[in-house]
Amino acid sequence: MTFNELARKRYSCRKISARPVEPEKLAAIIEAGILAPTAVNKQPFRIWVAKSPEAVRAIGEATSYTFGAQVFLVVGAKREEAWVRAYDGANFADVDATIAATHLMLAIEDQGLATTWVGSFDAPKLQERIPELAGCDLVAIFPVGYADPAARPSHLHDKRKSAAELVKSI
């Protein structure tokens, strides 16, 4: 499968089955996140694999967007470890964490699993419930698992703006 085929096939899955995720698939997904390019290779991101009952419960207390998953990847950024652009002081921690998160999301699909990017969560509550997350700007939660047979893409999945609307030559 080409990259564009993978990107086209992937959709935001909002219904995860109870089928367990194999450890080797999770390891391959994590490797993809670690391989993500970052500014000056600083790698100011963290990835947490949440699968203990306590961690899963804490995520459920911080967001209603769990979709039945029993494994979650949480991605955060460490601002103090990031490259900072000298010209304007822009800190690239969130950018780098987002690149790693995108690698994770696409690797999940590549492994035959499903997910959606969850950005709607109570970060302070999650950090209170899981203290290991403290000290990071949390950027994403990914519920990970096999798509439920009834799962379908959103009606907006195939709606895309044209290249003429999004790309400009200068």
Foldseek 3Di string as FASTA:
>chain_A
DDPVVLVLPAFAWQAFDPDDDDPVLVVQLLVLLLPFDAVVNLLQKDKDKDQDPLLLVLQVVFDVRQNPFRIKIWMWGQQVSFDADPVPRDTCRLVSSVRSVVSSQSSLVVSQKHWHWDQRTRVVSSCVSPVVCPNTHIGTMIRIHHHDPPIDHDPCSPPDDDCVVVPDDD
